[in-house]
Each structure stands twice: as C-alpha cells, then as structure tokens.
PDB file of N, CA and C in Angstrom:
ATOM      1  N   MET A   1     -11.064  24.531  -4.608  1.00  0.00           N
ATOM      2  CA  MET A   1     -11.391  23.353  -3.823  1.00  0.00           C
ATOM      3  C   MET A   1     -10.487  23.319  -2.591  1.00  0.00           C
ATOM      4  N   LYS A   2     -11.112  23.146  -1.497  1.00  0.00           N
ATOM      5  CA  LYS A   2     -10.376  23.102  -0.236  1.00  0.00           C
ATOM      6  C   LYS A   2      -9.525  21.836  -0.184  1.00  0.00           C
ATOM      7  N   LYS A   3      -8.280  21.991   0.237  1.00  0.00           N
ATOM      8  CA  LYS A   3      -7.377  20.835   0.275  1.00  0.00           C
ATOM      9  C   LYS A   3      -7.678  19.961   1.479  1.00  0.00           C
ATOM     10  N   HIS A   4      -7.533  18.704   1.305  1.00  0.00           N
ATOM     11  CA  HIS A   4      -7.635  17.751   2.412  1.00  0.00           C
ATOM     12  C   HIS A   4      -6.652  16.623   2.169  1.00  0.00           C
ATOM     13  N   LEU A   5      -6.447  15.849   3.169  1.00  0.00           N
ATOM     14  CA  LEU A   5      -5.519  14.725   3.065  1.00  0.00           C
ATOM     15  C   LEU A   5      -6.292  13.435   2.930  1.00  0.00           C
ATOM     16  N   LEU A   6      -5.792  12.562   2.125  1.00  0.00           N
ATOM     17  CA  LEU A   6      -6.329  11.218   1.993  1.00  0.00           C
ATOM     18  C   LEU A   6      -5.270  10.287   2.552  1.00  0.00           C
ATOM     19  N   PRO A   7      -5.332   9.991   3.855  1.00  0.00           N
ATOM     20  CA  PRO A   7      -4.294   9.137   4.434  1.00  0.00           C
ATOM     21  C   PRO A   7      -4.399   7.698   3.943  1.00  0.00           C
ATOM     22  N   LEU A   8      -3.288   7.128   3.697  1.00  0.00           N
ATOM     23  CA  LEU A   8      -3.203   5.705   3.385  1.00  0.00           C
ATOM     24  C   LEU A   8      -2.524   5.058   4.576  1.00  0.00           C
ATOM     25  N   ALA A   9      -3.292   4.343   5.354  1.00  0.00           N
ATOM     26  CA  ALA A   9      -2.714   3.671   6.517  1.00  0.00           C
ATOM     27  C   ALA A   9      -1.990   2.436   6.019  1.00  0.00           C
ATOM     28  N   LEU A  10      -0.712   2.474   6.074  1.00  0.00           N
ATOM     29  CA  LEU A  10       0.090   1.368   5.566  1.00  0.00           C
ATOM     30  C   LEU A  10       0.475   0.483   6.738  1.00  0.00           C
ATOM     31  N   LEU A  11      -0.424  -0.377   7.071  1.00  0.00           N
ATOM     32  CA  LEU A  11      -0.207  -1.287   8.183  1.00  0.00           C
ATOM     33  C   LEU A  11       0.231  -2.610   7.584  1.00  0.00           C
ATOM     34  N   PHE A  12       1.486  -2.900   7.683  1.00  0.00           N
ATOM     35  CA  PHE A  12       2.049  -4.031   6.978  1.00  0.00           C
ATOM     36  C   PHE A  12       1.862  -5.307   7.768  1.00  0.00           C
ATOM     37  N   SER A  13       1.229  -6.274   7.145  1.00  0.00           N
ATOM     38  CA  SER A  13       1.117  -7.579   7.778  1.00  0.00           C
ATOM     39  C   SER A  13       1.748  -8.599   6.847  1.00  0.00           C
ATOM     40  N   GLY A  14       2.275  -9.639   7.417  1.00  0.00           N
ATOM     41  CA  GLY A  14       2.886 -10.673   6.604  1.00  0.00           C
ATOM     42  C   GLY A  14       4.368 -10.461   6.360  1.00  0.00           C
ATOM     43  N   ILE A  15       4.940  -9.374   6.875  1.00  0.00           N
ATOM     44  CA  ILE A  15       6.357  -9.112   6.651  1.00  0.00           C
ATOM     45  C   ILE A  15       7.016  -8.782   7.982  1.00  0.00           C
ATOM     46  N   SER A  16       8.082  -9.487   8.286  1.00  0.00           N
ATOM     47  CA  SER A  16       8.844  -9.158   9.488  1.00  0.00           C
ATOM     48  C   SER A  16      10.197  -8.603   9.060  1.00  0.00           C
ATOM     49  N   PRO A  17      10.851  -7.805   9.901  1.00  0.00           N
ATOM     50  CA  PRO A  17      12.137  -7.215   9.516  1.00  0.00           C
ATOM     51  C   PRO A  17      13.193  -8.242   9.144  1.00  0.00           C
ATOM     52  N   ALA A  18      13.131  -9.438   9.703  1.00  0.00           N
ATOM     53  CA  ALA A  18      14.133 -10.461   9.419  1.00  0.00           C
ATOM     54  C   ALA A  18      14.086 -10.922   7.967  1.00  0.00           C
ATOM     55  N   GLN A  19      12.986 -10.699   7.293  1.00  0.00           N
ATOM     56  CA  GLN A  19      12.871 -11.139   5.913  1.00  0.00           C
ATOM     57  C   GLN A  19      13.506 -10.155   4.938  1.00  0.00           C
ATOM     58  N   ALA A  20      13.992  -9.008   5.436  1.00  0.00           N
ATOM     59  CA  ALA A  20      14.769  -8.039   4.676  1.00  0.00           C
ATOM     60  C   ALA A  20      14.049  -7.489   3.453  1.00  0.00           C
ATOM     61  N   LEU A  21      12.769  -7.234   3.588  1.00  0.00           N
ATOM     62  CA  LEU A  21      12.013  -6.543   2.556  1.00  0.00           C
ATOM     63  C   LEU A  21      11.632  -5.194   3.140  1.00  0.00           C
ATOM     64  N   ASP A  22      12.157  -4.137   2.564  1.00  0.00           N
ATOM     65  CA  ASP A  22      11.917  -2.789   3.072  1.00  0.00           C
ATOM     66  C   ASP A  22      10.812  -2.143   2.251  1.00  0.00           C
ATOM     67  N   VAL A  23       9.699  -1.824   2.916  1.00  0.00           N
ATOM     68  CA  VAL A  23       8.571  -1.195   2.232  1.00  0.00           C
ATOM     69  C   VAL A  23       8.479   0.298   2.535  1.00  0.00           C
ATOM     70  N   GLY A  24       9.479   0.841   3.207  1.00  0.00           N
ATOM     71  CA  GLY A  24       9.517   2.280   3.442  1.00  0.00           C
ATOM     72  C   GLY A  24       8.695   2.723   4.633  1.00  0.00           C
ATOM     73  N   ASP A  25       8.274   3.985   4.593  1.00  0.00           N
ATOM     74  CA  ASP A  25       7.506   4.574   5.692  1.00  0.00           C
ATOM     75  C   ASP A  25       6.226   3.798   5.952  1.00  0.00           C
ATOM     76  N   ILE A  26       5.817   3.791   7.212  1.00  0.00           N
ATOM     77  CA  ILE A  26       4.621   3.041   7.591  1.00  0.00           C
ATOM     78  C   ILE A  26       3.344   3.759   7.179  1.00  0.00           C
ATOM     79  N   SER A  27       3.385   5.073   7.037  1.00  0.00           N
ATOM     80  CA  SER A  27       2.214   5.841   6.609  1.00  0.00           C
ATOM     81  C   SER A  27       2.589   6.754   5.455  1.00  0.00           C
ATOM     82  N   SER A  28       1.666   6.891   4.535  1.00  0.00           N
ATOM     83  CA  SER A  28       1.836   7.813   3.418  1.00  0.00           C
ATOM     84  C   SER A  28       0.536   8.580   3.248  1.00  0.00           C
ATOM     85  N   PHE A  29       0.633   9.776   2.700  1.00  0.00           N
ATOM     86  CA  PHE A  29      -0.536  10.624   2.534  1.00  0.00           C
ATOM     87  C   PHE A  29      -0.648  11.067   1.085  1.00  0.00           C
ATOM     88  N   MET A  30      -1.878  11.070   0.597  1.00  0.00           N
ATOM     89  CA  MET A  30      -2.161  11.535  -0.746  1.00  0.00           C
ATOM     90  C   MET A  30      -3.028  12.789  -0.602  1.00  0.00           C
ATOM     91  N   ASN A  31      -2.520  13.925  -1.037  1.00  0.00           N
ATOM     92  CA  ASN A  31      -3.280  15.169  -0.953  1.00  0.00           C
ATOM     93  C   ASN A  31      -4.443  15.167  -1.930  1.00  0.00           C
ATOM     94  N   SER A  32      -5.421  16.021  -1.684  1.00  0.00           N
ATOM     95  CA  SER A  32      -6.614  16.059  -2.528  1.00  0.00           C
ATOM     96  C   SER A  32      -6.312  16.537  -3.947  1.00  0.00           C
ATOM     97  N   ASP A  33      -5.195  17.224  -4.154  1.00  0.00           N
ATOM     98  CA  ASP A  33      -4.854  17.681  -5.499  1.00  0.00           C
ATOM     99  C   ASP A  33      -4.030  16.652  -6.273  1.00  0.00           C
ATOM    100  N   SER A  34      -3.903  15.455  -5.735  1.00  0.00           N
ATOM    101  CA  SER A  34      -3.153  14.383  -6.383  1.00  0.00           C
ATOM    102  C   SER A  34      -4.000  13.115  -6.399  1.00  0.00           C
ATOM    103  N   SER A  35      -3.787  12.290  -7.392  1.00  0.00           N
ATOM    104  CA  SER A  35      -4.516  11.018  -7.448  1.00  0.00           C
ATOM    105  C   SER A  35      -3.561   9.831  -7.532  1.00  0.00           C
ATOM    106  N   THR A  36      -2.265  10.085  -7.389  1.00  0.00           N
ATOM    107  CA  THR A  36      -1.289   8.999  -7.457  1.00  0.00           C
ATOM    108  C   THR A  36      -0.315   9.067  -6.287  1.00  0.00           C
ATOM    109  N   LEU A  37       0.214   7.912  -5.959  1.00  0.00           N
ATOM    110  CA  LEU A  37       1.224   7.787  -4.914  1.00  0.00           C
ATOM    111  C   LEU A  37       2.163   6.669  -5.333  1.00  0.00           C
ATOM    112  N   SER A  38       3.446   6.856  -5.139  1.00  0.00           N
ATOM    113  CA  SER A  38       4.439   5.826  -5.463  1.00  0.00           C
ATOM    114  C   SER A  38       5.199   5.444  -4.205  1.00  0.00           C
ATOM    115  N   LYS A  39       5.461   4.147  -4.046  1.00  0.00           N
ATOM    116  CA  LYS A  39       6.257   3.635  -2.932  1.00  0.00           C
ATOM    117  C   LYS A  39       7.306   2.701  -3.504  1.00  0.00           C
ATOM    118  N   THR A  40       8.524   2.827  -3.025  1.00  0.00           N
ATOM    119  CA  THR A  40       9.605   1.943  -3.455  1.00  0.00           C
ATOM    120  C   THR A  40       9.790   0.851  -2.415  1.00  0.00           C
ATOM    121  N   ILE A  41       9.830  -0.395  -2.874  1.00  0.00           N
ATOM    122  CA  ILE A  41      10.139  -1.511  -1.984  1.00  0.00           C
ATOM    123  C   ILE A  41      11.492  -2.074  -2.400  1.00  0.00           C
ATOM    124  N   GLN A  42      12.245  -2.554  -1.421  1.00  0.00           N
ATOM    125  CA  GLN A  42      13.589  -3.066  -1.682  1.00  0.00           C
ATOM    126  C   GLN A  42      13.750  -4.450  -1.081  1.00  0.00           C
ATOM    127  N   ASN A  43      14.397  -5.324  -1.828  1.00  0.00           N
ATOM    128  CA  ASN A  43      14.734  -6.666  -1.363  1.00  0.00           C
ATOM    129  C   ASN A  43      16.243  -6.694  -1.130  1.00  0.00           C
ATOM    130  N   SER A  44      16.650  -6.677   0.132  1.00  0.00           N
ATOM    131  CA  SER A  44      18.089  -6.653   0.434  1.00  0.00           C
ATOM    132  C   SER A  44      18.649  -8.042   0.727  1.00  0.00           C
ATOM    133  N   THR A  45      17.902  -9.090   0.393  1.00  0.00           N
ATOM    134  CA  THR A  45      18.380 -10.453   0.614  1.00  0.00           C
ATOM    135  C   THR A  45      19.168 -10.939  -0.599  1.00  0.00           C
ATOM    136  N   ASP A  46      19.708 -12.137  -0.485  1.00  0.00           N
ATOM    137  CA  ASP A  46      20.461 -12.740  -1.585  1.00  0.00           C
ATOM    138  C   ASP A  46      19.607 -13.675  -2.430  1.00  0.00           C
ATOM    139  N   SER A  47      18.295 -13.631  -2.249  1.00  0.00           N
ATOM    140  CA  SER A  47      17.402 -14.456  -3.070  1.00  0.00           C
ATOM    141  C   SER A  47      16.184 -13.639  -3.479  1.00  0.00           C
ATOM    142  N   GLY A  48      15.586 -14.044  -4.590  1.00  0.00           N
ATOM    143  CA  GLY A  48      14.405 -13.355  -5.090  1.00  0.00           C
ATOM    144  C   GLY A  48      13.201 -13.584  -4.189  1.00  0.00           C
ATOM    145  N   ARG A  49      12.242 -12.695  -4.258  1.00  0.00           N
ATOM    146  CA  ARG A  49      11.018 -12.787  -3.467  1.00  0.00           C
ATOM    147  C   ARG A  49       9.815 -12.576  -4.379  1.00  0.00           C
ATOM    148  N   LEU A  50       8.816 -13.455  -4.236  1.00  0.00           N
ATOM    149  CA  LEU A  50       7.537 -13.265  -4.905  1.00  0.00           C
ATOM    150  C   LEU A  50       6.647 -12.502  -3.936  1.00  0.00           C
ATOM    151  N   ILE A  51       6.190 -11.334  -4.342  1.00  0.00           N
ATOM    152  CA  ILE A  51       5.420 -10.456  -3.471  1.00  0.00           C
ATOM    153  C   ILE A  51       4.039 -10.236  -4.074  1.00  0.00           C
ATOM    154  N   ASN A  52       3.012 -10.438  -3.262  1.00  0.00           N
ATOM    155  CA  ASN A  52       1.632 -10.149  -3.639  1.00  0.00           C
ATOM    156  C   ASN A  52       1.144  -9.014  -2.753  1.00  0.00           C
ATOM    157  N   ILE A  53       0.368  -8.109  -3.330  1.00  0.00           N
ATOM    158  CA  ILE A  53      -0.085  -6.927  -2.608  1.00  0.00           C
ATOM    159  C   ILE A  53      -1.606  -6.850  -2.687  1.00  0.00           C
ATOM    160  N   ARG A  54      -2.220  -6.549  -1.541  1.00  0.00           N
ATOM    161  CA  ARG A  54      -3.679  -6.417  -1.470  1.00  0.00           C
ATOM    162  C   ARG A  54      -4.013  -5.110  -0.758  1.00  0.00           C
ATOM    163  N   LEU A  55      -5.118  -4.481  -1.155  1.00  0.00           N
ATOM    164  CA  LEU A  55      -5.584  -3.246  -0.528  1.00  0.00           C
ATOM    165  C   LEU A  55      -6.857  -3.505   0.259  1.00  0.00           C
ATOM    166  N   GLU A  56      -6.978  -2.849   1.408  1.00  0.00           N
ATOM    167  CA  GLU A  56      -8.194  -2.916   2.215  1.00  0.00           C
ATOM    168  C   GLU A  56      -8.554  -1.497   2.627  1.00  0.00           C
ATOM    169  N   ARG A  57      -9.839  -1.174   2.606  1.00  0.00           N
ATOM    170  CA  ARG A  57     -10.290   0.121   3.109  1.00  0.00           C
ATOM    171  C   ARG A  57     -10.615  -0.041   4.586  1.00  0.00           C
ATOM    172  N   LEU A  58     -10.252   0.959   5.391  1.00  0.00           N
ATOM    173  CA  LEU A  58     -10.461   0.907   6.835  1.00  0.00           C
ATOM    174  C   LEU A  58     -11.424   1.998   7.276  1.00  0.00           C
ATOM    175  N   SER A  59     -12.164   1.715   8.336  1.00  0.00           N
ATOM    176  CA  SER A  59     -13.071   2.711   8.903  1.00  0.00           C
ATOM    177  C   SER A  59     -12.300   3.784   9.664  1.00  0.00           C
ATOM    178  N   SER A  60     -11.118   3.452  10.160  1.00  0.00           N
ATOM    179  CA  SER A  60     -10.309   4.370  10.957  1.00  0.00           C
ATOM    180  C   SER A  60      -8.855   3.897  10.916  1.00  0.00           C
ATOM    181  N   PRO A  61      -7.900   4.813  11.031  1.00  0.00           N
ATOM    182  CA  PRO A  61      -6.500   4.398  11.068  1.00  0.00           C
ATOM    183  C   PRO A  61      -6.072   3.915  12.454  1.00  0.00           C
ATOM    184  N   LEU A  62      -6.954   4.007  13.425  1.00  0.00           N
ATOM    185  CA  LEU A  62      -6.636   3.598  14.790  1.00  0.00           C
ATOM    186  C   LEU A  62      -6.692   2.083  14.933  1.00  0.00           C
ATOM    187  N   ASP A  63      -6.237   1.574  16.064  1.00  0.00           N
ATOM    188  CA  ASP A  63      -6.206   0.129  16.303  1.00  0.00           C
ATOM    189  C   ASP A  63      -7.571  -0.526  16.157  1.00  0.00           C
ATOM    190  N   ASP A  64      -8.648   0.198  16.478  1.00  0.00           N
ATOM    191  CA  ASP A  64      -9.987  -0.396  16.408  1.00  0.00           C
ATOM    192  C   ASP A  64     -10.630  -0.236  15.027  1.00  0.00           C
ATOM    193  N   GLY A  65      -9.884   0.257  14.043  1.00  0.00           N
ATOM    194  CA  GLY A  65     -10.414   0.413  12.691  1.00  0.00           C
ATOM    195  C   GLY A  65     -10.772  -0.937  12.084  1.00  0.00           C
ATOM    196  N   GLN A  66     -11.928  -0.993  11.434  1.00  0.00           N
ATOM    197  CA  GLN A  66     -12.424  -2.219  10.813  1.00  0.00           C
ATOM    198  C   GLN A  66     -12.275  -2.138   9.294  1.00  0.00           C
ATOM    199  N   VAL A  67     -12.093  -3.292   8.665  1.00  0.00           N
ATOM    200  CA  VAL A  67     -12.066  -3.356   7.206  1.00  0.00           C
ATOM    201  C   VAL A  67     -13.491  -3.141   6.716  1.00  0.00           C
ATOM    202  N   ILE A  68     -13.664  -2.208   5.783  1.00  0.00           N
ATOM    203  CA  ILE A  68     -14.981  -1.920   5.214  1.00  0.00           C
ATOM    204  C   ILE A  68     -14.888  -2.009   3.693  1.00  0.00           C
ATOM    205  N   ALA A  69     -16.044  -2.130   3.063  1.00  0.00           N
ATOM    206  CA  ALA A  69     -16.089  -2.235   1.604  1.00  0.00           C
ATOM    207  C   ALA A  69     -15.750  -0.888   0.964  1.00  0.00           C
ATOM    208  N   MET A  70     -15.087  -0.950  -0.172  1.00  0.00           N
ATOM    209  CA  MET A  70     -14.815   0.270  -0.933  1.00  0.00           C
ATOM    210  C   MET A  70     -16.110   0.710  -1.601  1.00  0.00           C
ATOM    211  N   ASP A  71     -16.236   2.022  -1.871  1.00  0.00           N
ATOM    212  CA  ASP A  71     -17.436   2.543  -2.523  1.00  0.00           C
ATOM    213  C   ASP A  71     -17.636   1.904  -3.892  1.00  0.00           C
ATOM    214  N   LYS A  72     -16.549   1.664  -4.596  1.00  0.00           N
ATOM    215  CA  LYS A  72     -16.607   0.964  -5.883  1.00  0.00           C
ATOM    216  C   LYS A  72     -15.322   0.154  -6.023  1.00  0.00           C
ATOM    217  N   PRO A  73     -15.340  -0.926  -6.799  1.00  0.00           N
ATOM    218  CA  PRO A  73     -14.182  -1.834  -6.866  1.00  0.00           C
ATOM    219  C   PRO A  73     -12.882  -1.171  -7.319  1.00  0.00           C
ATOM    220  N   ASP A  74     -12.969  -0.147  -8.145  1.00  0.00           N
ATOM    221  CA  ASP A  74     -11.749   0.498  -8.640  1.00  0.00           C
ATOM    222  C   ASP A  74     -11.455   1.822  -7.927  1.00  0.00           C
ATOM    223  N   GLU A  75     -11.902   1.944  -6.689  1.00  0.00           N
ATOM    224  CA  GLU A  75     -11.680   3.164  -5.901  1.00  0.00           C
ATOM    225  C   GLU A  75     -10.188   3.465  -5.723  1.00  0.00           C
ATOM    226  N   LEU A  76      -9.415   2.438  -5.423  1.00  0.00           N
ATOM    227  CA  LEU A  76      -7.964   2.573  -5.290  1.00  0.00           C
ATOM    228  C   LEU A  76      -7.326   1.399  -6.026  1.00  0.00           C
ATOM    229  N   LEU A  77      -6.510   1.707  -7.008  1.00  0.00           N
ATOM    230  CA  LEU A  77      -5.854   0.682  -7.819  1.00  0.00           C
ATOM    231  C   LEU A  77      -4.354   0.722  -7.557  1.00  0.00           C
ATOM    232  N   LEU A  78      -3.676  -0.383  -7.855  1.00  0.00           N
ATOM    233  CA  LEU A  78      -2.228  -0.418  -7.721  1.00  0.00           C
ATOM    234  C   LEU A  78      -1.622  -1.238  -8.842  1.00  0.00           C
ATOM    235  N   THR A  79      -0.370  -0.945  -9.125  1.00  0.00           N
ATOM    236  CA  THR A  79       0.361  -1.718 -10.110  1.00  0.00           C
ATOM    237  C   THR A  79       1.840  -1.740  -9.734  1.00  0.00           C
ATOM    238  N   PRO A  80       2.510  -2.857  -9.800  1.00  0.00           N
ATOM    239  CA  PRO A  80       1.943  -4.191 -10.010  1.00  0.00           C
ATOM    240  C   PRO A  80       1.352  -4.732  -8.709  1.00  0.00           C
ATOM    241  N   ALA A  81       0.362  -5.612  -8.815  1.00  0.00           N
ATOM    242  CA  ALA A  81      -0.255  -6.226  -7.639  1.00  0.00           C
ATOM    243  C   ALA A  81       0.513  -7.470  -7.207  1.00  0.00           C
ATOM    244  N   SER A  82       1.364  -7.956  -8.084  1.00  0.00           N
ATOM    245  CA  SER A  82       2.195  -9.123  -7.801  1.00  0.00           C
ATOM    246  C   SER A  82       3.493  -8.951  -8.579  1.00  0.00           C
ATOM    247  N   LEU A  83       4.613  -9.294  -7.947  1.00  0.00           N
ATOM    248  CA  LEU A  83       5.876  -9.156  -8.655  1.00  0.00           C
ATOM    249  C   LEU A  83       6.917 -10.098  -8.084  1.00  0.00           C
ATOM    250  N   LEU A  84       7.852 -10.455  -8.926  1.00  0.00           N
ATOM    251  CA  LEU A  84       9.019 -11.226  -8.513  1.00  0.00           C
ATOM    252  C   LEU A  84      10.161 -10.226  -8.393  1.00  0.00           C
ATOM    253  N   LEU A  85      10.585  -9.988  -7.160  1.00  0.00           N
ATOM    254  CA  LEU A  85      11.624  -8.998  -6.895  1.00  0.00           C
ATOM    255  C   LEU A  85      12.957  -9.723  -6.724  1.00  0.00           C
ATOM    256  N   PRO A  86      13.889  -9.549  -7.664  1.00  0.00           N
ATOM    257  CA  PRO A  86      15.183 -10.230  -7.573  1.00  0.00           C
ATOM    258  C   PRO A  86      15.965  -9.810  -6.329  1.00  0.00           C
ATOM    259  N   ALA A  87      16.983 -10.584  -6.001  1.00  0.00           N
ATOM    260  CA  ALA A  87      17.864 -10.261  -4.876  1.00  0.00           C
ATOM    261  C   ALA A  87      18.506  -8.895  -5.094  1.00  0.00           C
ATOM    262  N   GLN A  88      18.662  -8.145  -4.018  1.00  0.00           N
ATOM    263  CA  GLN A  88      19.318  -6.837  -4.041  1.00  0.00           C
ATOM    264  C   GLN A  88      18.696  -5.881  -5.064  1.00  0.00           C
ATOM    265  N   ALA A  89      17.379  -5.934  -5.210  1.00  0.00           N
ATOM    266  CA  ALA A  89      16.695  -5.096  -6.201  1.00  0.00           C
ATOM    267  C   ALA A  89      15.599  -4.276  -5.528  1.00  0.00           C
ATOM    268  N   SER A  90      15.091  -3.306  -6.265  1.00  0.00           N
ATOM    269  CA  SER A  90      13.975  -2.503  -5.775  1.00  0.00           C
ATOM    270  C   SER A  90      12.953  -2.337  -6.894  1.00  0.00           C
ATOM    271  N   GLU A  91      11.748  -1.966  -6.509  1.00  0.00           N
ATOM    272  CA  GLU A  91      10.654  -1.791  -7.463  1.00  0.00           C
ATOM    273  C   GLU A  91       9.747  -0.685  -6.945  1.00  0.00           C
ATOM    274  N   VAL A  92       9.178   0.080  -7.860  1.00  0.00           N
ATOM    275  CA  VAL A  92       8.233   1.130  -7.490  1.00  0.00           C
ATOM    276  C   VAL A  92       6.818   0.588  -7.655  1.00  0.00           C
ATOM    277  N   ILE A  93       6.031   0.713  -6.596  1.00  0.00           N
ATOM    278  CA  ILE A  93       4.618   0.336  -6.627  1.00  0.00           C
ATOM    279  C   ILE A  93       3.830   1.633  -6.725  1.00  0.00           C
ATOM    280  N   ARG A  94       2.897   1.691  -7.661  1.00  0.00           N
ATOM    281  CA  ARG A  94       2.109   2.909  -7.869  1.00  0.00           C
ATOM    282  C   ARG A  94       0.659   2.666  -7.474  1.00  0.00           C
ATOM    283  N   PHE A  95       0.092   3.663  -6.805  1.00  0.00           N
ATOM    284  CA  PHE A  95      -1.294   3.613  -6.359  1.00  0.00           C
ATOM    285  C   PHE A  95      -2.051   4.739  -7.055  1.00  0.00           C
ATOM    286  N   PHE A  96      -3.274   4.430  -7.501  1.00  0.00           N
ATOM    287  CA  PHE A  96      -4.095   5.384  -8.243  1.00  0.00           C
ATOM    288  C   PHE A  96      -5.453   5.494  -7.564  1.00  0.00           C
ATOM    289  N   TYR A  97      -5.779   6.681  -7.062  1.00  0.00           N
ATOM    290  CA  TYR A  97      -7.074   6.904  -6.428  1.00  0.00           C
ATOM    291  C   TYR A  97      -8.080   7.294  -7.497  1.00  0.00           C
ATOM    292  N   LYS A  98      -9.167   6.527  -7.605  1.00  0.00           N
ATOM    293  CA  LYS A  98     -10.218   6.754  -8.598  1.00  0.00           C
ATOM    294  C   LYS A  98     -11.569   6.976  -7.929  1.00  0.00           C
ATOM    295  N   GLY A  99     -11.557   7.240  -6.627  1.00  0.00           N
ATOM    296  CA  GLY A  99     -12.794   7.425  -5.875  1.00  0.00           C
ATOM    297  C   GLY A  99     -13.327   8.841  -5.987  1.00  0.00           C
ATOM    298  N   PRO A 100     -14.324   9.159  -5.155  1.00  0.00           N
ATOM    299  CA  PRO A 100     -14.954  10.483  -5.196  1.00  0.00           C
ATOM    300  C   PRO A 100     -13.958  11.604  -4.881  1.00  0.00           C
ATOM    301  N   ALA A 101     -14.122  12.731  -5.550  1.00  0.00           N
ATOM    302  CA  ALA A 101     -13.292  13.914  -5.291  1.00  0.00           C
ATOM    303  C   ALA A 101     -14.047  14.811  -4.316  1.00  0.00           C
ATOM    304  N   ASP A 102     -14.021  14.448  -3.048  1.00  0.00           N
ATOM    305  CA  ASP A 102     -14.727  15.208  -2.022  1.00  0.00           C
ATOM    306  C   ASP A 102     -13.774  15.537  -0.877  1.00  0.00           C
ATOM    307  N   GLU A 103     -14.294  16.046   0.203  1.00  0.00           N
ATOM    308  CA  GLU A 103     -13.467  16.461   1.338  1.00  0.00           C
ATOM    309  C   GLU A 103     -13.349  15.385   2.415  1.00  0.00           C
ATOM    310  N   LYS A 104     -13.765  14.178   2.135  1.00  0.00           N
ATOM    311  CA  LYS A 104     -13.767  13.104   3.123  1.00  0.00           C
ATOM    312  C   LYS A 104     -12.411  12.385   3.146  1.00  0.00           C
ATOM    313  N   GLU A 105     -11.871  12.201   4.340  1.00  0.00           N
ATOM    314  CA  GLU A 105     -10.649  11.407   4.473  1.00  0.00           C
ATOM    315  C   GLU A 105     -11.002   9.931   4.363  1.00  0.00           C
ATOM    316  N   ARG A 106     -10.144   9.193   3.690  1.00  0.00           N
ATOM    317  CA  ARG A 106     -10.320   7.749   3.552  1.00  0.00           C
ATOM    318  C   ARG A 106      -9.017   7.079   3.969  1.00  0.00           C
ATOM    319  N   TYR A 107      -9.153   5.899   4.535  1.00  0.00           N
ATOM    320  CA  TYR A 107      -7.996   5.186   5.077  1.00  0.00           C
ATOM    321  C   TYR A 107      -7.907   3.812   4.426  1.00  0.00           C
ATOM    322  N   TYR A 108      -6.699   3.416   4.074  1.00  0.00           N
ATOM    323  CA  TYR A 108      -6.474   2.134   3.415  1.00  0.00           C
ATOM    324  C   TYR A 108      -5.297   1.430   4.068  1.00  0.00           C
ATOM    325  N   ARG A 109      -5.342   0.123   4.008  1.00  0.00           N
ATOM    326  CA  ARG A 109      -4.224  -0.707   4.467  1.00  0.00           C
ATOM    327  C   ARG A 109      -3.663  -1.418   3.244  1.00  0.00           C
ATOM    328  N   ILE A 110      -2.365  -1.411   3.147  1.00  0.00           N
ATOM    329  CA  ILE A 110      -1.690  -2.158   2.092  1.00  0.00           C
ATOM    330  C   ILE A 110      -1.098  -3.388   2.751  1.00  0.00           C
ATOM    331  N   VAL A 111      -1.492  -4.549   2.271  1.00  0.00           N
ATOM    332  CA  VAL A 111      -1.032  -5.811   2.849  1.00  0.00           C
ATOM    333  C   VAL A 111      -0.049  -6.433   1.862  1.00  0.00           C
ATOM    334  N   TRP A 112       1.177  -6.644   2.330  1.00  0.00           N
ATOM    335  CA  TRP A 112       2.250  -7.215   1.516  1.00  0.00           C
ATOM    336  C   TRP A 112       2.429  -8.675   1.930  1.00  0.00           C
ATOM    337  N   PHE A 113       2.325  -9.596   0.990  1.00  0.00           N
ATOM    338  CA  PHE A 113       2.507 -11.023   1.265  1.00  0.00           C
ATOM    339  C   PHE A 113       3.743 -11.532   0.535  1.00  0.00           C
ATOM    340  N   LEU A 114       4.592 -12.234   1.249  1.00  0.00           N
ATOM    341  CA  LEU A 114       5.722 -12.916   0.625  1.00  0.00           C
ATOM    342  C   LEU A 114       5.306 -14.345   0.337  1.00  0.00           C
ATOM    343  N   SER A 115       5.570 -14.809  -0.869  1.00  0.00           N
ATOM    344  CA  SER A 115       5.255 -16.183  -1.244  1.00  0.00           C
ATOM    345  C   SER A 115       6.544 -16.947  -1.484  1.00  0.00           C
ATOM    346  N   GLY A 116       6.486 -18.236  -1.293  1.00  0.00           N
ATOM    347  CA  GLY A 116       7.651 -19.078  -1.551  1.00  0.00           C
ATOM    348  C   GLY A 116       8.561 -19.187  -0.353  1.00  0.00           C
ATOM    349  N   PRO A 117       9.731 -19.811  -0.529  1.00  0.00           N
ATOM    350  CA  PRO A 117      10.666 -20.017   0.587  1.00  0.00           C
ATOM    351  C   PRO A 117      11.178 -18.693   1.123  1.00  0.00           C
ATOM    352  N   GLN A 118      11.326 -18.622   2.423  1.00  0.00           N
ATOM    353  CA  GLN A 118      11.764 -17.387   3.080  1.00  0.00           C
ATOM    354  C   GLN A 118      13.228 -17.495   3.414  1.00  0.00           C
TER     355      GLN A 118
END
C-alpha cells in the first residue's frame, strides 16, 4: 500500500497564550500505516482547568477551508473529550482514525475549549 499522510490541521480556537495551556505543535500528521496519534497538553498555571475538546473535518488546511461533515460519525475519535487538568499537570490526548483506508488526505481541526474561571 502506497504511503500517504493524513494531516490533522490543529487550528486552536478558544485558547490564548496568556491562559498558559500548552497544546504543543500546531500541526500533526498521521501516516497511512498508523491509526493513532497522541498529543500532550500541559497546564502551567496555579489553578485547575476544565477542558473540552471537539473535532471538525475541514475541506482544506488553508485559510479558506470550510467545516464539512465526516463520512461517518466515528471517523476520528478522541479520548478524553473532556478533562479536569490540575495545576502544573499534563495529560495525553489520544486520537483514533477509524475512517476509510485509502490514499485520500483528510484534514481535521481540534478545538480546545476552556471552561470555568480563567
């Protein structure tokens, strides 16, 4: 099987640097021979943070990319989708690709939301 890349466009909305939540690199890639990806997020503040995570499929990773429907609801899964991250702590978020095993590149946005007092 010819290798291809499945880019995950990690365009973070809802988080500013002042809130001290580090979600790592802005883009990550999942090769065609893999179906999982892990990202570590870190809370460097002195208070806990409630974090909710949502996935969106994009038509393109460029600025004009539009949110489009996934081929099936479980095309890309993540765990945990919501977590309470204590002060000065980190957590690994895992993504599982369950979509078609073809040569088509797919693009996703991971949206991180902070809930509660900032």
